[in-house]
Protein backbone atom coordinates (compact mmCIF):
# COMPACT_ATOMS: atom_id res chain seq x y z
CA UNK A 1 -21.92 -180.37 -188.04
CA UNK A 2 -18.72 -180.97 -189.53
CA UNK A 3 -16.39 -178.51 -190.08
CA UNK A 4 -17.09 -179.23 -193.88
CA UNK A 5 -20.58 -178.73 -193.75
CA UNK A 6 -20.25 -175.21 -192.25
CA UNK A 7 -18.21 -173.52 -194.88
CA UNK A 8 -19.97 -175.26 -197.93
CA UNK A 9 -23.27 -174.11 -196.30
CA UNK A 10 -21.24 -170.46 -196.00
CA UNK A 11 -20.41 -170.60 -199.68
CA UNK A 12 -23.65 -171.76 -200.60
CA UNK A 13 -24.86 -168.64 -198.97
CA UNK A 14 -22.82 -166.42 -200.60
CA UNK A 15 -23.37 -166.90 -203.59
CA UNK A 16 -27.28 -167.30 -203.38
CA UNK A 17 -26.97 -163.95 -201.74
CA UNK A 18 -25.58 -163.05 -204.96
CA UNK A 19 -27.80 -164.35 -207.13
CA UNK A 20 -30.33 -163.15 -205.26
CA UNK A 21 -28.97 -159.50 -205.56
CA UNK A 22 -26.41 -158.81 -208.95
CA UNK A 23 -30.10 -159.97 -211.28
CA UNK A 24 -32.05 -157.86 -210.17
CA UNK A 25 -30.15 -155.25 -210.70
CA UNK A 26 -29.19 -156.77 -213.76
CA UNK A 27 -33.40 -157.15 -214.73
CA UNK A 28 -34.53 -153.35 -213.84
CA UNK A 29 -31.80 -152.12 -216.24
CA UNK A 30 -33.49 -154.57 -219.03
CA UNK A 31 -37.01 -153.78 -218.16
CA UNK A 32 -36.16 -150.45 -218.04
CA UNK A 33 -34.17 -150.54 -221.45
CA UNK A 34 -37.65 -152.36 -222.80
CA UNK A 35 -39.73 -149.57 -222.99
CA UNK A 36 -37.77 -148.51 -225.97
CA UNK A 37 -38.90 -149.75 -229.21
CA UNK A 38 -35.97 -152.55 -229.91
CA UNK A 39 -36.01 -152.26 -234.52
CA UNK A 40 -38.19 -149.04 -235.34
CA UNK A 41 -40.25 -146.61 -233.78
CA UNK A 42 -42.20 -146.20 -236.59
CA UNK A 43 -42.40 -147.65 -240.90
CA UNK A 44 -39.58 -146.72 -242.35
CA UNK A 45 -37.39 -145.55 -238.85
CA UNK A 46 -34.69 -147.73 -237.48
CA UNK A 47 -33.00 -148.02 -234.78
CA UNK A 48 -29.45 -146.39 -235.06
CA UNK A 49 -27.23 -147.45 -232.81
CA UNK A 50 -27.54 -149.02 -229.65
CA UNK A 51 -29.94 -147.95 -226.85
CA UNK A 52 -27.75 -146.69 -223.62
CA UNK A 53 -28.93 -146.42 -219.66
CA UNK A 54 -27.75 -143.26 -217.65
CA UNK A 55 -28.05 -143.68 -214.16
CA UNK A 56 -27.36 -140.76 -211.49
CA UNK A 57 -23.75 -141.37 -211.36
CA UNK A 58 -23.65 -140.72 -215.34
CA UNK A 59 -27.09 -138.72 -216.64
CA UNK A 60 -24.54 -135.78 -217.12
CA UNK A 61 -22.92 -137.44 -219.89
CA UNK A 62 -26.41 -137.42 -221.40
CA UNK A 63 -27.27 -133.88 -220.35
CA UNK A 64 -24.59 -131.53 -219.28
CA UNK A 65 -26.16 -128.62 -217.74
CA UNK A 66 -29.04 -130.06 -216.93
CA UNK A 67 -28.36 -132.86 -214.98
CA UNK A 68 -28.99 -131.28 -211.51
CA UNK A 69 -32.77 -130.31 -212.79
CA UNK A 70 -34.01 -134.03 -211.91
CA UNK A 71 -32.78 -135.02 -208.93
CA UNK A 72 -34.79 -133.01 -206.73
CA UNK A 73 -37.28 -135.07 -208.42
CA UNK A 74 -36.15 -138.54 -207.70
CA UNK A 75 -34.58 -139.13 -210.90
CA UNK A 76 -33.03 -142.74 -210.56
CA UNK A 77 -32.45 -144.31 -214.74
CA UNK A 78 -32.34 -142.97 -218.60
CA UNK A 79 -32.76 -144.80 -221.74
CA UNK A 80 -32.06 -143.18 -224.57
CA UNK A 81 -31.54 -144.15 -228.68
CA UNK A 82 -31.74 -142.53 -232.03
CA UNK A 83 -33.84 -143.61 -234.80
CA UNK A 84 -32.70 -142.52 -238.20
CA UNK A 85 -35.16 -142.02 -241.25
CA UNK A 86 -34.79 -145.11 -243.51
CA UNK A 87 -35.84 -142.36 -247.35
CA UNK A 88 -33.93 -139.10 -245.54
CA UNK A 89 -30.74 -140.15 -243.68
CA UNK A 90 -30.67 -136.27 -242.35
CA UNK A 91 -33.76 -136.31 -240.02
CA UNK A 92 -33.85 -138.41 -236.87
CA UNK A 93 -35.20 -138.58 -233.43
CA UNK A 94 -33.67 -138.52 -230.16
CA UNK A 95 -35.50 -140.12 -227.50
CA UNK A 96 -34.62 -140.04 -223.89
CA UNK A 97 -37.38 -142.21 -221.20
CA UNK A 98 -36.72 -141.02 -217.84
CA UNK A 99 -37.86 -143.08 -214.64
CA UNK A 100 -38.97 -141.20 -211.59
CA UNK A 101 -39.38 -142.46 -208.36
CA UNK A 102 -42.91 -141.33 -208.23
CA UNK A 103 -46.03 -140.35 -210.92
CA UNK A 104 -45.79 -136.88 -209.71
CA UNK A 105 -42.02 -136.41 -209.70
CA UNK A 106 -42.17 -137.88 -213.40
CA UNK A 107 -45.57 -134.65 -213.93
CA UNK A 108 -43.45 -132.09 -212.25
CA UNK A 109 -40.82 -132.58 -214.70
CA UNK A 110 -43.06 -132.50 -217.34
CA UNK A 111 -43.93 -129.32 -216.04
CA UNK A 112 -40.74 -127.66 -216.44
CA UNK A 113 -41.13 -127.88 -219.74
CA UNK A 114 -44.79 -127.46 -221.07
CA UNK A 115 -45.76 -123.96 -221.84
CA UNK A 116 -49.51 -122.66 -221.43
CA UNK A 117 -49.21 -122.02 -224.69
CA UNK A 118 -48.29 -125.79 -225.89
CA UNK A 119 -49.64 -127.75 -227.78
CA UNK A 120 -51.49 -130.72 -226.44
CA UNK A 121 -51.25 -134.09 -227.58
CA UNK A 122 -53.22 -136.98 -226.58
CA UNK A 123 -50.76 -139.56 -225.04
CA UNK A 124 -49.97 -140.81 -221.64
CA UNK A 125 -51.45 -138.65 -218.98
CA UNK A 126 -50.28 -135.29 -220.24
CA UNK A 127 -48.80 -134.26 -223.40
CA UNK A 128 -47.67 -131.33 -225.58
CA UNK A 129 -45.92 -131.56 -229.06
CA UNK A 130 -44.19 -129.53 -231.58
CA UNK A 131 -42.98 -129.83 -235.10
CA UNK A 132 -39.25 -130.41 -232.79
CA UNK A 133 -40.36 -132.08 -229.77
CA UNK A 134 -42.88 -134.25 -228.26
CA UNK A 135 -42.81 -135.02 -224.30
CA UNK A 136 -45.21 -136.53 -222.53
CA UNK A 137 -45.63 -138.39 -218.80
CA UNK A 138 -47.01 -141.81 -217.60
CA UNK A 139 -46.81 -143.92 -214.36
CA UNK A 140 -44.15 -142.65 -212.96
CA UNK A 141 -42.24 -142.25 -216.68
CA UNK A 142 -41.05 -138.27 -218.19
CA UNK A 143 -40.81 -138.82 -222.21
CA UNK A 144 -38.86 -136.50 -224.19
CA UNK A 145 -38.32 -136.83 -227.70
CA UNK A 146 -36.65 -134.08 -229.92
CA UNK A 147 -35.88 -134.30 -234.06
CA UNK A 148 -32.95 -132.57 -235.59
CA UNK A 149 -32.36 -131.52 -239.36
CA UNK A 150 -35.38 -130.47 -241.17
CA UNK A 151 -38.72 -129.61 -240.14
CA UNK A 152 -40.74 -133.01 -239.33
CA UNK A 153 -43.80 -134.07 -239.50
CA UNK A 154 -45.67 -134.12 -236.14
CA UNK A 155 -47.17 -137.42 -237.01
CA UNK A 156 -43.76 -139.05 -236.83
CA UNK A 157 -43.46 -138.06 -233.26
CA UNK A 158 -46.63 -138.97 -232.39
CA UNK A 159 -46.41 -142.28 -233.35
CA UNK A 160 -42.84 -142.72 -231.88
CA UNK A 161 -44.43 -141.08 -228.84
CA UNK A 162 -47.26 -143.85 -228.95
CA UNK A 163 -44.97 -146.56 -229.65
CA UNK A 164 -43.12 -145.62 -226.47
CA UNK A 165 -46.36 -145.16 -223.83
CA UNK A 166 -47.14 -148.72 -225.25
CA UNK A 167 -44.41 -150.27 -223.39
CA UNK A 168 -45.04 -147.86 -220.33
CA UNK A 169 -47.07 -149.46 -217.84
CA UNK A 170 -51.39 -148.74 -218.31
CA UNK A 171 -51.49 -145.93 -215.29
CA UNK A 172 -52.49 -142.31 -217.43
CA UNK A 173 -53.89 -140.90 -214.10
CA UNK A 174 -52.61 -137.35 -212.98
CA UNK A 175 -51.63 -136.97 -209.20
CA UNK A 176 -53.97 -136.49 -206.89
CA UNK A 177 -51.79 -133.03 -205.88
CA UNK A 178 -52.91 -131.55 -209.24
CA UNK A 179 -56.78 -131.25 -207.54
CA UNK A 180 -55.63 -129.36 -205.06
CA UNK A 181 -55.79 -126.09 -207.85
CA UNK A 182 -58.54 -127.40 -209.52
CA UNK A 183 -60.48 -124.83 -208.64
CA UNK A 184 -62.61 -122.09 -210.63
CA UNK A 185 -60.46 -120.06 -212.70
CA UNK A 186 -57.20 -121.91 -213.23
CA UNK A 187 -55.19 -121.36 -216.46
CA UNK A 188 -55.06 -124.76 -217.98
CA UNK A 189 -51.17 -126.11 -218.05
CA UNK A 190 -50.42 -123.55 -215.74
CA UNK A 191 -50.06 -126.38 -212.61
CA UNK A 192 -46.87 -127.21 -211.53
CA UNK A 193 -45.10 -129.52 -209.03
CA UNK A 194 -42.24 -127.93 -207.74
CA UNK A 195 -39.44 -130.78 -205.65
CA UNK A 196 -37.85 -128.26 -203.93
CA UNK A 197 -37.97 -124.54 -202.60
CA UNK A 198 -41.66 -123.00 -204.02
CA UNK A 199 -41.67 -119.63 -204.50
CA UNK A 200 -38.07 -119.09 -204.59
CA UNK A 201 -37.92 -119.98 -200.47
CA UNK A 202 -36.43 -122.78 -198.99
CA UNK A 203 -38.61 -122.78 -195.53
CA UNK A 204 -41.71 -123.72 -198.61
CA UNK A 205 -39.98 -127.30 -198.56
CA UNK A 206 -42.17 -128.72 -202.22
CA UNK A 207 -45.50 -128.07 -203.44
CA UNK A 208 -47.80 -127.84 -206.31
CA UNK A 209 -48.34 -123.99 -207.82
CA UNK A 210 -50.84 -123.08 -210.78
CA UNK A 211 -51.97 -119.40 -212.20
CA UNK A 212 -54.94 -118.13 -212.07
CA UNK A 213 -57.85 -115.21 -213.23
CA UNK A 214 -59.37 -113.52 -210.35
CA UNK A 215 -61.42 -110.39 -211.07
CA UNK A 216 -59.60 -110.13 -214.07
CA UNK A 217 -56.30 -110.06 -212.52
CA UNK A 218 -53.63 -113.01 -212.76
CA UNK A 219 -52.46 -114.20 -209.90
CA UNK A 220 -50.24 -117.63 -208.75
CA UNK A 221 -51.59 -120.19 -206.52
CA UNK A 222 -50.33 -122.51 -203.84
CA UNK A 223 -50.16 -125.23 -201.47
CA UNK A 224 -47.12 -126.54 -199.44
CA UNK A 225 -47.44 -130.25 -197.93
CA UNK A 226 -46.33 -131.32 -195.44
CA UNK A 227 -45.24 -134.26 -193.45
CA UNK A 228 -47.38 -133.23 -190.34
CA UNK A 229 -49.42 -129.88 -189.11
CA UNK A 230 -46.51 -129.26 -186.69
CA UNK A 231 -44.07 -128.85 -189.67
CA UNK A 232 -46.64 -126.63 -191.78
CA UNK A 233 -47.07 -124.26 -188.96
CA UNK A 234 -43.38 -124.27 -188.92
CA UNK A 235 -43.26 -123.07 -192.76
CA UNK A 236 -45.89 -120.81 -192.24
CA UNK A 237 -44.10 -119.40 -189.64
CA UNK A 238 -40.31 -119.20 -191.02
CA UNK A 239 -42.01 -116.92 -193.94
CA UNK A 240 -43.93 -114.86 -190.92
CA UNK A 241 -40.92 -114.06 -189.96
CA UNK A 242 -39.31 -113.26 -193.50
CA UNK A 243 -42.18 -111.08 -193.68
CA UNK A 244 -41.56 -109.41 -190.68
CA UNK A 245 -37.99 -109.35 -191.29
CA UNK A 246 -37.93 -107.10 -194.60
CA UNK A 247 -40.59 -104.64 -192.77
CA UNK A 248 -43.74 -106.14 -193.66
CA UNK A 249 -46.40 -104.88 -192.08
CA UNK A 250 -49.31 -107.35 -191.88
CA UNK A 251 -53.02 -108.53 -190.65
CA UNK A 252 -52.61 -112.05 -189.16
CA UNK A 253 -55.62 -113.73 -187.72
CA UNK A 254 -55.70 -117.51 -186.10
CA UNK A 255 -58.49 -120.10 -184.92
CA UNK A 256 -57.78 -123.37 -183.36
CA UNK A 257 -58.04 -124.78 -187.00
CA UNK A 258 -55.74 -122.62 -188.96
CA UNK A 259 -53.79 -119.07 -188.94
CA UNK A 260 -53.46 -116.79 -191.71
CA UNK A 261 -52.04 -113.56 -193.00
CA UNK A 262 -52.07 -110.52 -195.33
CA UNK A 263 -49.18 -108.34 -196.59
CA UNK A 264 -47.23 -107.13 -199.03
CA UNK A 265 -44.34 -110.00 -199.82
CA UNK A 266 -41.26 -107.71 -201.20
CA UNK A 267 -41.00 -110.33 -204.44
CA UNK A 268 -45.19 -111.16 -204.77
CA UNK A 269 -46.82 -107.80 -203.93
CA UNK A 270 -49.95 -108.67 -202.37
CA UNK A 271 -50.11 -112.20 -200.40
CA UNK A 272 -53.31 -114.45 -198.80
CA UNK A 273 -51.29 -117.47 -196.72
CA UNK A 274 -52.39 -120.10 -194.43
CA UNK A 275 -51.50 -123.55 -192.65
CA UNK A 276 -54.64 -125.50 -192.67
CA UNK A 277 -53.75 -128.93 -191.15
CA UNK A 278 -50.37 -130.05 -192.67
CA UNK A 279 -50.46 -127.79 -195.95
CA UNK A 280 -49.60 -124.30 -196.39
CA UNK A 281 -52.34 -122.27 -198.87
CA UNK A 282 -51.10 -118.74 -200.66
CA UNK A 283 -52.26 -116.65 -203.22
CA UNK A 284 -49.46 -114.48 -204.35
CA UNK A 285 -49.22 -111.26 -206.56
CA UNK A 286 -52.78 -109.43 -205.71
CA UNK A 287 -53.27 -105.29 -205.47
CA UNK A 288 -56.07 -107.11 -203.27
CA UNK A 289 -54.80 -109.42 -200.63
CA UNK A 290 -58.27 -110.00 -198.84
CA UNK A 291 -59.85 -110.77 -202.32
CA UNK A 292 -58.18 -114.18 -202.61
CA UNK A 293 -60.25 -115.42 -199.62
CA UNK A 294 -62.91 -117.48 -201.41
CA UNK A 295 -59.64 -119.40 -203.53
CA UNK A 296 -58.14 -120.31 -200.40
CA UNK A 297 -61.50 -121.44 -199.07
CA UNK A 298 -61.78 -124.03 -202.23
CA UNK A 299 -58.32 -124.58 -202.11
CA UNK A 300 -58.96 -126.02 -198.43
CA UNK A 301 -62.24 -127.87 -199.77
CA UNK A 302 -59.91 -129.81 -201.74
CA UNK A 303 -56.78 -130.90 -199.03
């Protein structure tokens, strides 16, 4: 091959590399921008201004002081727009669509805002609505609509939310991890996914948690998911060391399959915690830790 051919080959290769990478980012940005209705989200509600895109580097410009909440949940991008009523310019709806790294992370962010008494909304995998806001998650997207101005009819928020939902992937299944705490007595809409420091303990890296009613007592259940049995055992031992350092008496039992402890946690009262496989299962906020054995067995059967 002559020198000219080599140089031409290098230049063509460089151009091909640029075109094969640069448009991917642009296309990705265009895809998420297209989720928002381009003209109106509902009859009489028109797009006011343009659609804006925010990334991990610029998210704080849109939600300064709240951005750090999103990063542990695998935040990737946000598109946002404002829709204003043609008949009453004082009424507007701010639509934010967050793309997270997985459906579980999208649920995790959503569950930070959803309350047990929130009014459910038939949209996405799960949603709730009030006169001022609508939130839901669908696939790996978290959608947040907020109104400003006089009190708004919920139907407007639901219609705008549906317009967004129709542009999202059709998957409306709940993350499989939520089934871990789908046991008898769990309080509806109390499930949460915590992506960092479950219960505030760094050694419980991530997991699902929910409230439950046990013998008339309101308790908290949780499942820490680790990558391996050894990692789960390390998390369990870290918790045991923490309890020991706080001067707490413990009742520990062990079999070849699992190890468990009953104790009184300085922060959470009576606890029953068990390591089984790559999971750490627990019930906290109890008067009598031994009463939680049936709940732990229910959860273990779902793993």
